[in-house]
Amino acid sequence: MNASTADETSRSHEAVDRLKQPAFELVALAASAGGLNALSQVLSGLPAGFPAATVVVQHLAPNHRSLMVDILARRTVLPVQAAQQGDRLCPGVIYIAPPNYHTLVKPDGTFNLTQSARVRFVRPSADSLFESVAASYGKRAIAVVLTGTGKDGSTGIQAIKQQGGLVIAQDQATAQFFSMPEAAIRTGMVDFVLPLAEISTKLIALVETNP
């Protein structure tokens, strides 16, 4: 094989590798009041082999065992597990932030769980997750703000946007509680305001479209 042929082969392999890469590698979802139904609908719409990792923050009572993993695992074809300290994120897996722990994503693609101070009176915090995702994944991340009370997530999505990522918010008509999506929308940093039924379809289109 001459040098010219070798160069062409190398470029061909690089092109194939790029085609295998999803446009976005991480989807971070946040919800509070009314979140179980919303998360169930979004996650049930994601297909087997969905090529991005998914991390979920749902505000939960800190002193009670959460059944979120068990419930959501019955409503999606994707594997669902609780995020654990040091675990490495894998494509096609859904990770649930455990109660009473901020769940952060490190640049090496692993989780850091912390019981540092509450953010906007909650732990886990969407803002904390989103800010860590922005710092670690930059333009390869999508943040989604679903139904909930309060303003959690509205600061974190600004970090996502500043790093080139995308933001989706649930619309008022389908949000059981609109405070969280509304706070996000008011920042001017939301790319798509969508009915609940359309969010999973949009995620599939975004993630599986190569840059």
N, C-alpha and C. Protein backbone atom coordinates (compact mmCIF):
# COMPACT_ATOMS: atom_id res chain seq x y z
N MET A 1 0.85 -1.20 0.00
CA MET A 1 0.00 0.00 0.00
C MET A 1 0.88 1.24 0.00
N ASN A 2 0.68 2.13 -1.00
CA ASN A 2 1.50 3.33 -1.03
C ASN A 2 0.98 4.37 -0.04
N ALA A 3 1.75 5.47 0.13
CA ALA A 3 1.40 6.47 1.14
C ALA A 3 0.07 7.12 0.84
N SER A 4 -0.20 7.36 -0.44
CA SER A 4 -1.47 8.01 -0.82
C SER A 4 -2.66 7.13 -0.46
N THR A 5 -2.54 5.84 -0.78
CA THR A 5 -3.63 4.90 -0.47
C THR A 5 -3.82 4.79 1.04
N ALA A 6 -2.72 4.76 1.79
CA ALA A 6 -2.80 4.67 3.24
C ALA A 6 -3.51 5.89 3.82
N ASP A 7 -3.20 7.07 3.29
CA ASP A 7 -3.85 8.29 3.77
C ASP A 7 -5.34 8.25 3.50
N GLU A 8 -5.71 7.78 2.30
CA GLU A 8 -7.13 7.70 1.95
C GLU A 8 -7.86 6.71 2.86
N THR A 9 -7.20 5.59 3.15
CA THR A 9 -7.81 4.59 4.04
C THR A 9 -8.00 5.15 5.43
N SER A 10 -7.00 5.87 5.92
CA SER A 10 -7.09 6.48 7.25
C SER A 10 -8.22 7.48 7.32
N ARG A 11 -8.36 8.33 6.29
CA ARG A 11 -9.44 9.31 6.27
C ARG A 11 -10.80 8.63 6.21
N SER A 12 -10.86 7.52 5.47
CA SER A 12 -12.13 6.77 5.38
C SER A 12 -12.52 6.22 6.73
N HIS A 13 -11.54 5.67 7.46
CA HIS A 13 -11.83 5.12 8.79
C HIS A 13 -12.26 6.23 9.74
N GLU A 14 -11.62 7.39 9.65
CA GLU A 14 -12.00 8.51 10.51
C GLU A 14 -13.43 8.96 10.22
N ALA A 15 -13.81 8.96 8.95
CA ALA A 15 -15.17 9.36 8.58
C ALA A 15 -16.19 8.37 9.13
N VAL A 16 -15.86 7.08 9.05
CA VAL A 16 -16.77 6.06 9.59
C VAL A 16 -16.91 6.23 11.09
N ASP A 17 -15.80 6.48 11.79
CA ASP A 17 -15.84 6.68 13.24
C ASP A 17 -16.72 7.87 13.59
N ARG A 18 -16.63 8.96 12.81
CA ARG A 18 -17.46 10.13 13.10
C ARG A 18 -18.93 9.81 12.92
N LEU A 19 -19.24 9.01 11.91
CA LEU A 19 -20.64 8.65 11.67
C LEU A 19 -21.21 7.82 12.81
N LYS A 20 -20.34 7.08 13.51
CA LYS A 20 -20.79 6.26 14.62
C LYS A 20 -21.07 7.09 15.87
N GLN A 21 -20.53 8.29 15.92
CA GLN A 21 -20.67 9.12 17.11
C GLN A 21 -22.01 9.86 17.08
N PRO A 22 -22.78 9.81 18.18
CA PRO A 22 -24.02 10.61 18.23
C PRO A 22 -23.69 12.08 18.28
N ALA A 23 -24.63 12.90 17.85
CA ALA A 23 -24.43 14.34 17.89
C ALA A 23 -24.34 14.84 19.33
N PHE A 24 -25.06 14.18 20.23
CA PHE A 24 -25.03 14.52 21.66
C PHE A 24 -24.80 13.23 22.44
N GLU A 25 -23.96 13.32 23.47
CA GLU A 25 -23.59 12.12 24.21
C GLU A 25 -24.29 12.01 25.56
N LEU A 26 -24.90 13.10 26.02
CA LEU A 26 -25.54 13.07 27.34
C LEU A 26 -26.82 13.89 27.32
N VAL A 27 -27.89 13.30 27.86
CA VAL A 27 -29.15 14.00 28.06
C VAL A 27 -29.39 14.07 29.57
N ALA A 28 -29.59 15.29 30.09
CA ALA A 28 -29.85 15.49 31.52
C ALA A 28 -31.27 16.01 31.68
N LEU A 29 -32.11 15.28 32.40
CA LEU A 29 -33.50 15.66 32.61
C LEU A 29 -33.73 16.03 34.06
N ALA A 30 -34.58 17.05 34.27
CA ALA A 30 -34.91 17.48 35.63
C ALA A 30 -36.42 17.63 35.77
N ALA A 31 -36.94 17.18 36.91
CA ALA A 31 -38.37 17.29 37.19
C ALA A 31 -38.58 17.38 38.68
N SER A 32 -39.73 17.90 39.05
CA SER A 32 -40.10 17.97 40.46
C SER A 32 -41.55 17.48 40.57
N ALA A 33 -42.45 18.31 41.08
CA ALA A 33 -43.85 17.90 41.24
C ALA A 33 -44.43 17.48 39.89
N GLY A 34 -45.07 16.32 39.88
CA GLY A 34 -45.64 15.78 38.64
C GLY A 34 -44.62 15.08 37.77
N GLY A 35 -43.40 14.93 38.28
CA GLY A 35 -42.32 14.44 37.45
C GLY A 35 -42.38 12.98 37.07
N LEU A 36 -42.96 12.13 37.92
CA LEU A 36 -42.95 10.70 37.62
C LEU A 36 -43.68 10.41 36.32
N ASN A 37 -44.85 11.01 36.14
CA ASN A 37 -45.60 10.79 34.90
C ASN A 37 -44.85 11.35 33.70
N ALA A 38 -44.30 12.56 33.86
CA ALA A 38 -43.59 13.19 32.75
C ALA A 38 -42.35 12.39 32.36
N LEU A 39 -41.57 11.98 33.35
CA LEU A 39 -40.38 11.18 33.07
C LEU A 39 -40.74 9.84 32.43
N SER A 40 -41.81 9.23 32.92
CA SER A 40 -42.24 7.95 32.36
C SER A 40 -42.55 8.09 30.88
N GLN A 41 -43.23 9.18 30.52
CA GLN A 41 -43.62 9.35 29.12
C GLN A 41 -42.40 9.64 28.24
N VAL A 42 -41.50 10.47 28.72
CA VAL A 42 -40.31 10.78 27.92
C VAL A 42 -39.43 9.54 27.76
N LEU A 43 -39.14 8.87 28.85
CA LEU A 43 -38.21 7.75 28.81
C LEU A 43 -38.80 6.55 28.07
N SER A 44 -40.11 6.36 28.16
CA SER A 44 -40.73 5.24 27.44
C SER A 44 -40.66 5.43 25.93
N GLY A 45 -40.46 6.67 25.50
CA GLY A 45 -40.37 6.94 24.06
C GLY A 45 -38.98 6.78 23.48
N LEU A 46 -37.98 6.52 24.32
CA LEU A 46 -36.62 6.35 23.81
C LEU A 46 -36.41 4.89 23.40
N PRO A 47 -35.82 4.66 22.23
CA PRO A 47 -35.71 3.29 21.72
C PRO A 47 -34.53 2.54 22.31
N ALA A 48 -34.57 1.23 22.18
CA ALA A 48 -33.41 0.41 22.53
C ALA A 48 -32.24 0.87 21.67
N GLY A 49 -31.07 0.93 22.29
CA GLY A 49 -29.90 1.39 21.56
C GLY A 49 -29.77 2.89 21.46
N PHE A 50 -30.60 3.63 22.19
CA PHE A 50 -30.47 5.10 22.21
C PHE A 50 -29.02 5.42 22.55
N PRO A 51 -28.33 6.19 21.70
CA PRO A 51 -26.87 6.25 21.81
C PRO A 51 -26.29 7.23 22.82
N ALA A 52 -27.14 7.90 23.58
CA ALA A 52 -26.64 8.82 24.61
C ALA A 52 -26.92 8.27 26.00
N ALA A 53 -26.07 8.63 26.95
CA ALA A 53 -26.39 8.36 28.35
C ALA A 53 -27.43 9.37 28.81
N THR A 54 -28.27 8.99 29.77
CA THR A 54 -29.33 9.86 30.27
C THR A 54 -29.25 9.92 31.79
N VAL A 55 -29.24 11.13 32.33
CA VAL A 55 -29.19 11.32 33.78
C VAL A 55 -30.42 12.09 34.22
N VAL A 56 -31.08 11.61 35.27
CA VAL A 56 -32.35 12.18 35.73
C VAL A 56 -32.21 12.69 37.15
N VAL A 57 -32.60 13.95 37.35
CA VAL A 57 -32.80 14.50 38.69
C VAL A 57 -34.29 14.69 38.92
N GLN A 58 -34.82 14.00 39.91
CA GLN A 58 -36.21 14.17 40.33
C GLN A 58 -36.18 14.54 41.81
N HIS A 59 -36.79 15.66 42.17
CA HIS A 59 -36.83 16.04 43.58
C HIS A 59 -37.61 15.00 44.37
N LEU A 60 -36.98 14.45 45.40
CA LEU A 60 -37.57 13.38 46.19
C LEU A 60 -37.41 13.67 47.67
N ALA A 61 -38.30 13.08 48.48
CA ALA A 61 -38.15 13.19 49.93
C ALA A 61 -36.82 12.57 50.34
N PRO A 62 -35.99 13.29 51.11
CA PRO A 62 -34.63 12.81 51.37
C PRO A 62 -34.54 11.60 52.28
N ASN A 63 -35.56 11.35 53.09
CA ASN A 63 -35.44 10.32 54.12
C ASN A 63 -36.27 9.08 53.83
N HIS A 64 -36.72 8.94 52.60
CA HIS A 64 -37.51 7.76 52.25
C HIS A 64 -36.86 7.04 51.06
N ARG A 65 -36.94 5.72 51.09
CA ARG A 65 -36.40 4.93 50.00
C ARG A 65 -37.14 5.27 48.71
N SER A 66 -36.38 5.54 47.68
CA SER A 66 -36.98 5.89 46.39
C SER A 66 -37.27 4.63 45.58
N LEU A 67 -38.43 4.61 44.95
CA LEU A 67 -38.80 3.51 44.05
C LEU A 67 -38.68 3.93 42.59
N MET A 68 -38.04 5.09 42.35
CA MET A 68 -37.96 5.63 41.00
C MET A 68 -37.31 4.66 40.02
N VAL A 69 -36.22 4.04 40.43
CA VAL A 69 -35.52 3.13 39.52
C VAL A 69 -36.44 1.99 39.13
N ASP A 70 -37.10 1.38 40.11
CA ASP A 70 -37.99 0.24 39.83
C ASP A 70 -39.16 0.65 38.94
N ILE A 71 -39.74 1.80 39.24
CA ILE A 71 -40.91 2.24 38.47
C ILE A 71 -40.52 2.56 37.03
N LEU A 72 -39.48 3.34 36.86
CA LEU A 72 -39.09 3.74 35.51
C LEU A 72 -38.55 2.57 34.69
N ALA A 73 -37.93 1.61 35.35
CA ALA A 73 -37.41 0.44 34.64
C ALA A 73 -38.53 -0.36 33.99
N ARG A 74 -39.73 -0.28 34.56
CA ARG A 74 -40.87 -0.98 33.98
C ARG A 74 -41.50 -0.22 32.82
N ARG A 75 -41.03 1.01 32.59
CA ARG A 75 -41.68 1.86 31.58
C ARG A 75 -40.77 2.23 30.43
N THR A 76 -39.59 1.64 30.37
CA THR A 76 -38.68 1.91 29.28
C THR A 76 -37.92 0.64 28.92
N VAL A 77 -37.51 0.56 27.66
CA VAL A 77 -36.74 -0.61 27.23
C VAL A 77 -35.25 -0.45 27.58
N LEU A 78 -34.86 0.75 27.99
CA LEU A 78 -33.47 1.01 28.34
C LEU A 78 -33.18 0.59 29.78
N PRO A 79 -31.97 0.16 30.07
CA PRO A 79 -31.63 -0.16 31.47
C PRO A 79 -31.66 1.09 32.34
N VAL A 80 -32.17 0.95 33.57
CA VAL A 80 -32.29 2.05 34.51
C VAL A 80 -31.58 1.67 35.80
N GLN A 81 -30.75 2.56 36.32
CA GLN A 81 -30.06 2.28 37.58
C GLN A 81 -29.81 3.57 38.34
N ALA A 82 -29.61 3.44 39.64
CA ALA A 82 -29.26 4.59 40.46
C ALA A 82 -27.82 4.99 40.17
N ALA A 83 -27.58 6.29 40.08
CA ALA A 83 -26.21 6.78 39.94
C ALA A 83 -25.44 6.47 41.21
N GLN A 84 -24.21 6.03 41.07
CA GLN A 84 -23.38 5.71 42.22
C GLN A 84 -22.02 6.37 42.07
N GLN A 85 -21.44 6.70 43.19
CA GLN A 85 -20.14 7.37 43.21
C GLN A 85 -19.12 6.60 42.37
N GLY A 86 -18.49 7.31 41.43
CA GLY A 86 -17.43 6.71 40.64
C GLY A 86 -17.88 5.93 39.44
N ASP A 87 -19.18 5.66 39.30
CA ASP A 87 -19.66 4.93 38.13
C ASP A 87 -19.38 5.73 36.86
N ARG A 88 -19.04 5.02 35.79
CA ARG A 88 -18.81 5.67 34.51
C ARG A 88 -20.09 5.62 33.68
N LEU A 89 -20.47 6.75 33.10
CA LEU A 89 -21.67 6.82 32.28
C LEU A 89 -21.49 5.98 31.02
N CYS A 90 -22.53 5.24 30.67
CA CYS A 90 -22.51 4.41 29.47
C CYS A 90 -23.64 4.82 28.54
N PRO A 91 -23.41 4.83 27.24
CA PRO A 91 -24.48 5.15 26.29
C PRO A 91 -25.65 4.18 26.45
N GLY A 92 -26.86 4.68 26.31
CA GLY A 92 -28.03 3.83 26.35
C GLY A 92 -28.49 3.43 27.73
N VAL A 93 -27.89 4.00 28.78
CA VAL A 93 -28.29 3.69 30.15
C VAL A 93 -28.89 4.94 30.78
N ILE A 94 -29.95 4.75 31.57
CA ILE A 94 -30.61 5.85 32.29
C ILE A 94 -30.17 5.79 33.75
N TYR A 95 -29.65 6.90 34.25
CA TYR A 95 -29.17 6.98 35.63
C TYR A 95 -30.07 7.92 36.43
N ILE A 96 -30.48 7.49 37.61
CA ILE A 96 -31.35 8.28 38.47
C ILE A 96 -30.55 8.81 39.66
N ALA A 97 -30.61 10.13 39.86
CA ALA A 97 -29.93 10.71 41.01
C ALA A 97 -30.56 10.19 42.31
N PRO A 98 -29.77 9.71 43.25
CA PRO A 98 -30.34 9.18 44.50
C PRO A 98 -30.85 10.31 45.39
N PRO A 99 -31.83 10.02 46.25
CA PRO A 99 -32.35 11.05 47.17
C PRO A 99 -31.24 11.62 48.05
N ASN A 100 -31.30 12.94 48.25
CA ASN A 100 -30.44 13.63 49.21
C ASN A 100 -28.98 13.74 48.77
N TYR A 101 -28.68 13.48 47.50
CA TYR A 101 -27.33 13.62 46.99
C TYR A 101 -27.34 14.46 45.71
N HIS A 102 -26.56 15.53 45.69
CA HIS A 102 -26.30 16.18 44.42
C HIS A 102 -25.55 15.19 43.53
N THR A 103 -25.98 15.09 42.30
CA THR A 103 -25.37 14.14 41.37
C THR A 103 -24.67 14.92 40.27
N LEU A 104 -23.36 14.86 40.27
CA LEU A 104 -22.54 15.64 39.35
C LEU A 104 -21.81 14.72 38.38
N VAL A 105 -21.54 15.23 37.19
CA VAL A 105 -20.80 14.49 36.18
C VAL A 105 -19.43 15.11 36.02
N LYS A 106 -18.40 14.30 36.14
CA LYS A 106 -17.02 14.78 36.05
C LYS A 106 -16.53 14.71 34.59
N PRO A 107 -15.47 15.45 34.26
CA PRO A 107 -14.95 15.45 32.89
C PRO A 107 -14.51 14.08 32.39
N ASP A 108 -14.17 13.15 33.29
CA ASP A 108 -13.77 11.81 32.86
C ASP A 108 -14.98 10.90 32.64
N GLY A 109 -16.20 11.47 32.73
CA GLY A 109 -17.40 10.68 32.47
C GLY A 109 -17.85 9.83 33.63
N THR A 110 -17.43 10.16 34.85
CA THR A 110 -17.87 9.42 36.04
C THR A 110 -18.72 10.33 36.93
N PHE A 111 -19.44 9.70 37.85
CA PHE A 111 -20.31 10.44 38.77
C PHE A 111 -19.56 10.84 40.04
N ASN A 112 -19.92 12.01 40.53
CA ASN A 112 -19.50 12.44 41.86
C ASN A 112 -20.75 12.80 42.64
N LEU A 113 -21.03 12.05 43.70
CA LEU A 113 -22.21 12.28 44.54
C LEU A 113 -21.77 13.03 45.79
N THR A 114 -22.51 14.07 46.13
CA THR A 114 -22.11 14.89 47.27
C THR A 114 -23.34 15.35 48.06
N GLN A 115 -23.16 15.49 49.36
CA GLN A 115 -24.21 16.03 50.22
C GLN A 115 -23.88 17.47 50.62
N SER A 116 -23.26 18.20 49.72
CA SER A 116 -23.01 19.62 49.96
C SER A 116 -24.33 20.36 50.09
N ALA A 117 -24.28 21.64 50.44
CA ALA A 117 -25.48 22.41 50.78
C ALA A 117 -26.56 22.33 49.70
N ARG A 118 -27.80 22.38 50.14
CA ARG A 118 -28.91 22.38 49.21
C ARG A 118 -28.81 23.59 48.27
N VAL A 119 -29.29 23.41 47.06
CA VAL A 119 -29.34 24.48 46.07
C VAL A 119 -30.80 24.76 45.77
N ARG A 120 -31.23 26.01 45.96
CA ARG A 120 -32.66 26.36 45.83
C ARG A 120 -33.52 25.45 46.72
N PHE A 121 -32.99 25.12 47.89
CA PHE A 121 -33.68 24.35 48.92
C PHE A 121 -33.83 22.87 48.57
N VAL A 122 -33.15 22.39 47.54
CA VAL A 122 -33.32 20.98 47.16
C VAL A 122 -31.96 20.30 47.02
N ARG A 123 -31.98 18.99 47.19
CA ARG A 123 -30.83 18.13 46.97
C ARG A 123 -31.38 16.75 46.66
N PRO A 124 -31.23 16.22 45.46
CA PRO A 124 -30.38 16.67 44.36
C PRO A 124 -30.93 17.91 43.65
N SER A 125 -30.03 18.64 43.06
CA SER A 125 -30.37 19.88 42.38
C SER A 125 -30.14 19.75 40.88
N ALA A 126 -31.13 20.21 40.10
CA ALA A 126 -30.95 20.25 38.65
C ALA A 126 -29.87 21.24 38.26
N ASP A 127 -29.82 22.39 38.96
CA ASP A 127 -28.78 23.37 38.65
C ASP A 127 -27.39 22.76 38.80
N SER A 128 -27.17 22.03 39.88
CA SER A 128 -25.86 21.42 40.11
C SER A 128 -25.52 20.40 39.02
N LEU A 129 -26.50 19.56 38.67
CA LEU A 129 -26.28 18.59 37.61
C LEU A 129 -25.96 19.30 36.30
N PHE A 130 -26.80 20.25 35.91
CA PHE A 130 -26.62 20.92 34.62
C PHE A 130 -25.28 21.63 34.54
N GLU A 131 -24.89 22.29 35.63
CA GLU A 131 -23.61 23.02 35.61
C GLU A 131 -22.44 22.04 35.45
N SER A 132 -22.51 20.89 36.10
CA SER A 132 -21.44 19.91 35.95
C SER A 132 -21.44 19.32 34.55
N VAL A 133 -22.62 19.10 34.01
CA VAL A 133 -22.73 18.58 32.64
C VAL A 133 -22.16 19.59 31.64
N ALA A 134 -22.47 20.86 31.83
CA ALA A 134 -21.94 21.90 30.95
C ALA A 134 -20.42 21.91 30.96
N ALA A 135 -19.84 21.81 32.16
CA ALA A 135 -18.38 21.85 32.29
C ALA A 135 -17.73 20.59 31.71
N SER A 136 -18.42 19.46 31.79
CA SER A 136 -17.82 18.18 31.40
C SER A 136 -18.12 17.76 29.97
N TYR A 137 -19.31 18.12 29.47
CA TYR A 137 -19.72 17.65 28.15
C TYR A 137 -19.92 18.78 27.13
N GLY A 138 -20.02 20.02 27.60
CA GLY A 138 -20.12 21.15 26.68
C GLY A 138 -21.20 21.01 25.64
N LYS A 139 -20.82 21.16 24.37
CA LYS A 139 -21.78 21.15 23.27
C LYS A 139 -22.33 19.76 22.97
N ARG A 140 -21.88 18.76 23.68
CA ARG A 140 -22.37 17.39 23.46
C ARG A 140 -23.53 17.03 24.39
N ALA A 141 -24.09 18.04 25.08
CA ALA A 141 -25.13 17.78 26.09
C ALA A 141 -26.45 18.46 25.76
N ILE A 142 -27.53 17.83 26.18
CA ILE A 142 -28.88 18.39 26.10
C ILE A 142 -29.46 18.39 27.51
N ALA A 143 -30.04 19.52 27.91
CA ALA A 143 -30.76 19.61 29.19
C ALA A 143 -32.25 19.68 28.91
N VAL A 144 -33.03 19.00 29.74
CA VAL A 144 -34.49 19.00 29.59
C VAL A 144 -35.11 19.36 30.93
N VAL A 145 -35.97 20.38 30.94
CA VAL A 145 -36.66 20.80 32.16
C VAL A 145 -38.13 20.45 32.03
N LEU A 146 -38.60 19.59 32.94
CA LEU A 146 -39.98 19.12 32.92
C LEU A 146 -40.77 19.74 34.08
N THR A 147 -41.99 19.29 34.22
CA THR A 147 -42.91 19.80 35.23
C THR A 147 -42.28 19.91 36.61
N GLY A 148 -42.66 20.94 37.36
CA GLY A 148 -42.15 21.09 38.72
C GLY A 148 -42.40 22.48 39.26
N THR A 149 -42.36 22.59 40.59
CA THR A 149 -42.48 23.89 41.24
C THR A 149 -41.09 24.47 41.47
N GLY A 150 -41.02 25.78 41.69
CA GLY A 150 -39.74 26.42 41.94
C GLY A 150 -39.02 26.76 40.65
N LYS A 151 -37.72 27.08 40.80
CA LYS A 151 -36.92 27.54 39.67
C LYS A 151 -35.66 26.71 39.43
N ASP A 152 -35.60 25.54 40.05
CA ASP A 152 -34.41 24.71 39.89
C ASP A 152 -34.18 24.39 38.42
N GLY A 153 -32.96 24.51 37.98
CA GLY A 153 -32.61 24.25 36.59
C GLY A 153 -32.40 25.50 35.77
N SER A 154 -32.98 26.62 36.19
CA SER A 154 -32.92 27.83 35.38
C SER A 154 -31.52 28.44 35.33
N THR A 155 -30.72 28.23 36.35
CA THR A 155 -29.32 28.68 36.31
C THR A 155 -28.47 27.70 35.53
N GLY A 156 -28.67 26.43 35.76
CA GLY A 156 -27.87 25.40 35.10
C GLY A 156 -28.02 25.39 33.59
N ILE A 157 -29.23 25.67 33.09
CA ILE A 157 -29.39 25.65 31.63
C ILE A 157 -28.59 26.77 30.97
N GLN A 158 -28.37 27.86 31.70
CA GLN A 158 -27.57 28.94 31.13
C GLN A 158 -26.13 28.48 30.94
N ALA A 159 -25.64 27.68 31.87
CA ALA A 159 -24.30 27.11 31.71
C ALA A 159 -24.25 26.16 30.51
N ILE A 160 -25.30 25.36 30.34
CA ILE A 160 -25.38 24.46 29.19
C ILE A 160 -25.30 25.25 27.89
N LYS A 161 -26.08 26.32 27.79
CA LYS A 161 -26.11 27.12 26.57
C LYS A 161 -24.76 27.81 26.34
N GLN A 162 -24.16 28.32 27.38
CA GLN A 162 -22.88 29.01 27.23
C GLN A 162 -21.79 28.09 26.70
N GLN A 163 -21.94 26.78 26.94
CA GLN A 163 -20.96 25.81 26.45
C GLN A 163 -21.37 25.19 25.12
N GLY A 164 -22.47 25.67 24.54
CA GLY A 164 -22.87 25.19 23.21
C GLY A 164 -23.86 24.06 23.19
N GLY A 165 -24.38 23.66 24.37
CA GLY A 165 -25.39 22.60 24.40
C GLY A 165 -26.77 23.12 24.05
N LEU A 166 -27.76 22.23 24.09
CA LEU A 166 -29.14 22.58 23.78
C LEU A 166 -30.03 22.39 25.00
N VAL A 167 -31.16 23.11 25.01
CA VAL A 167 -32.09 23.05 26.13
C VAL A 167 -33.52 22.88 25.61
N ILE A 168 -34.25 21.97 26.25
CA ILE A 168 -35.66 21.73 25.96
C ILE A 168 -36.46 21.98 27.23
N ALA A 169 -37.63 22.61 27.11
CA ALA A 169 -38.54 22.78 28.24
C ALA A 169 -39.93 22.29 27.86
N GLN A 170 -40.61 21.70 28.82
CA GLN A 170 -41.99 21.25 28.62
C GLN A 170 -42.91 22.47 28.54
N ASP A 171 -43.92 22.40 27.69
CA ASP A 171 -44.81 23.55 27.53
C ASP A 171 -45.85 23.64 28.64
N GLN A 172 -46.50 24.78 28.73
CA GLN A 172 -47.45 25.03 29.81
C GLN A 172 -48.68 24.13 29.71
N ALA A 173 -49.12 23.87 28.50
CA ALA A 173 -50.35 23.10 28.31
C ALA A 173 -50.25 21.68 28.86
N THR A 174 -49.04 21.09 28.83
CA THR A 174 -48.91 19.69 29.26
C THR A 174 -48.18 19.54 30.59
N ALA A 175 -47.67 20.63 31.15
CA ALA A 175 -46.95 20.54 32.43
C ALA A 175 -47.94 20.59 33.59
N GLN A 176 -47.89 19.58 34.45
CA GLN A 176 -48.78 19.56 35.61
C GLN A 176 -48.49 20.74 36.52
N PHE A 177 -47.19 21.08 36.65
CA PHE A 177 -46.75 22.27 37.38
C PHE A 177 -45.76 23.00 36.48
N PHE A 178 -46.05 24.25 36.16
CA PHE A 178 -45.29 24.94 35.12
C PHE A 178 -44.15 25.80 35.65
N SER A 179 -43.98 25.91 36.96
CA SER A 179 -42.99 26.84 37.50
C SER A 179 -41.57 26.57 37.01
N MET A 180 -41.12 25.32 37.05
CA MET A 180 -39.76 25.01 36.62
C MET A 180 -39.56 25.26 35.13
N PRO A 181 -40.41 24.73 34.26
CA PRO A 181 -40.22 25.05 32.84
C PRO A 181 -40.34 26.54 32.55
N GLU A 182 -41.26 27.22 33.21
CA GLU A 182 -41.43 28.65 32.97
C GLU A 182 -40.18 29.43 33.35
N ALA A 183 -39.58 29.10 34.50
CA ALA A 183 -38.36 29.78 34.92
C ALA A 183 -37.24 29.57 33.91
N ALA A 184 -37.17 28.37 33.36
CA ALA A 184 -36.18 28.10 32.33
C ALA A 184 -36.45 28.93 31.08
N ILE A 185 -37.70 28.93 30.64
CA ILE A 185 -38.07 29.66 29.42
C ILE A 185 -37.79 31.15 29.57
N ARG A 186 -38.03 31.69 30.75
CA ARG A 186 -37.83 33.13 30.98
C ARG A 186 -36.36 33.55 30.88
N THR A 187 -35.44 32.61 30.96
CA THR A 187 -34.02 32.97 30.80
C THR A 187 -33.69 33.31 29.35
N GLY A 188 -34.54 32.91 28.43
CA GLY A 188 -34.25 33.10 27.01
C GLY A 188 -33.25 32.10 26.46
N MET A 189 -32.94 31.07 27.24
CA MET A 189 -31.91 30.10 26.85
C MET A 189 -32.49 28.76 26.37
N VAL A 190 -33.80 28.68 26.23
CA VAL A 190 -34.43 27.42 25.84
C VAL A 190 -34.54 27.36 24.31
N ASP A 191 -34.08 26.28 23.73
CA ASP A 191 -34.13 26.12 22.27
C ASP A 191 -35.47 25.61 21.78
N PHE A 192 -36.10 24.72 22.55
CA PHE A 192 -37.37 24.13 22.13
C PHE A 192 -38.32 24.08 23.32
N VAL A 193 -39.52 24.61 23.16
CA VAL A 193 -40.61 24.47 24.14
C VAL A 193 -41.61 23.51 23.52
N LEU A 194 -41.77 22.34 24.13
CA LEU A 194 -42.50 21.26 23.47
C LEU A 194 -43.56 20.64 24.38
N PRO A 195 -44.65 20.14 23.79
CA PRO A 195 -45.57 19.30 24.55
C PRO A 195 -44.86 18.04 25.02
N LEU A 196 -45.31 17.51 26.12
CA LEU A 196 -44.66 16.34 26.70
C LEU A 196 -44.54 15.20 25.68
N ALA A 197 -45.58 14.98 24.88
CA ALA A 197 -45.59 13.85 23.96
C ALA A 197 -44.55 13.97 22.85
N GLU A 198 -44.02 15.17 22.64
CA GLU A 198 -43.07 15.38 21.54
C GLU A 198 -41.61 15.40 21.99
N ILE A 199 -41.37 15.35 23.28
CA ILE A 199 -40.00 15.52 23.76
C ILE A 199 -39.11 14.34 23.40
N SER A 200 -39.59 13.13 23.58
CA SER A 200 -38.74 11.97 23.25
C SER A 200 -38.43 11.93 21.76
N THR A 201 -39.40 12.27 20.93
CA THR A 201 -39.17 12.29 19.48
C THR A 201 -38.10 13.31 19.12
N LYS A 202 -38.15 14.48 19.75
CA LYS A 202 -37.14 15.50 19.50
C LYS A 202 -35.76 15.04 19.98
N LEU A 203 -35.70 14.38 21.14
CA LEU A 203 -34.41 13.89 21.63
C LEU A 203 -33.81 12.88 20.67
N ILE A 204 -34.62 11.98 20.17
CA ILE A 204 -34.12 10.98 19.21
C ILE A 204 -33.57 11.67 17.98
N ALA A 205 -34.32 12.64 17.45
CA ALA A 205 -33.89 13.34 16.24
C ALA A 205 -32.58 14.09 16.48
N LEU A 206 -32.46 14.73 17.64
CA LEU A 206 -31.25 15.49 17.93
C LEU A 206 -30.04 14.59 18.16
N VAL A 207 -30.21 13.58 18.97
CA VAL A 207 -29.08 12.74 19.36
C VAL A 207 -28.59 11.90 18.20
N GLU A 208 -29.50 11.40 17.38
CA GLU A 208 -29.11 10.46 16.34
C GLU A 208 -28.75 11.15 15.03
N THR A 209 -28.78 12.47 14.99
CA THR A 209 -28.36 13.23 13.81
C THR A 209 -26.90 13.59 13.98
N ASN A 210 -26.04 13.09 13.10
CA ASN A 210 -24.61 13.35 13.23
C ASN A 210 -24.29 14.80 12.85
N PRO A 211 -23.34 15.41 13.57
CA PRO A 211 -22.97 16.79 13.27
C PRO A 211 -22.29 16.89 11.92
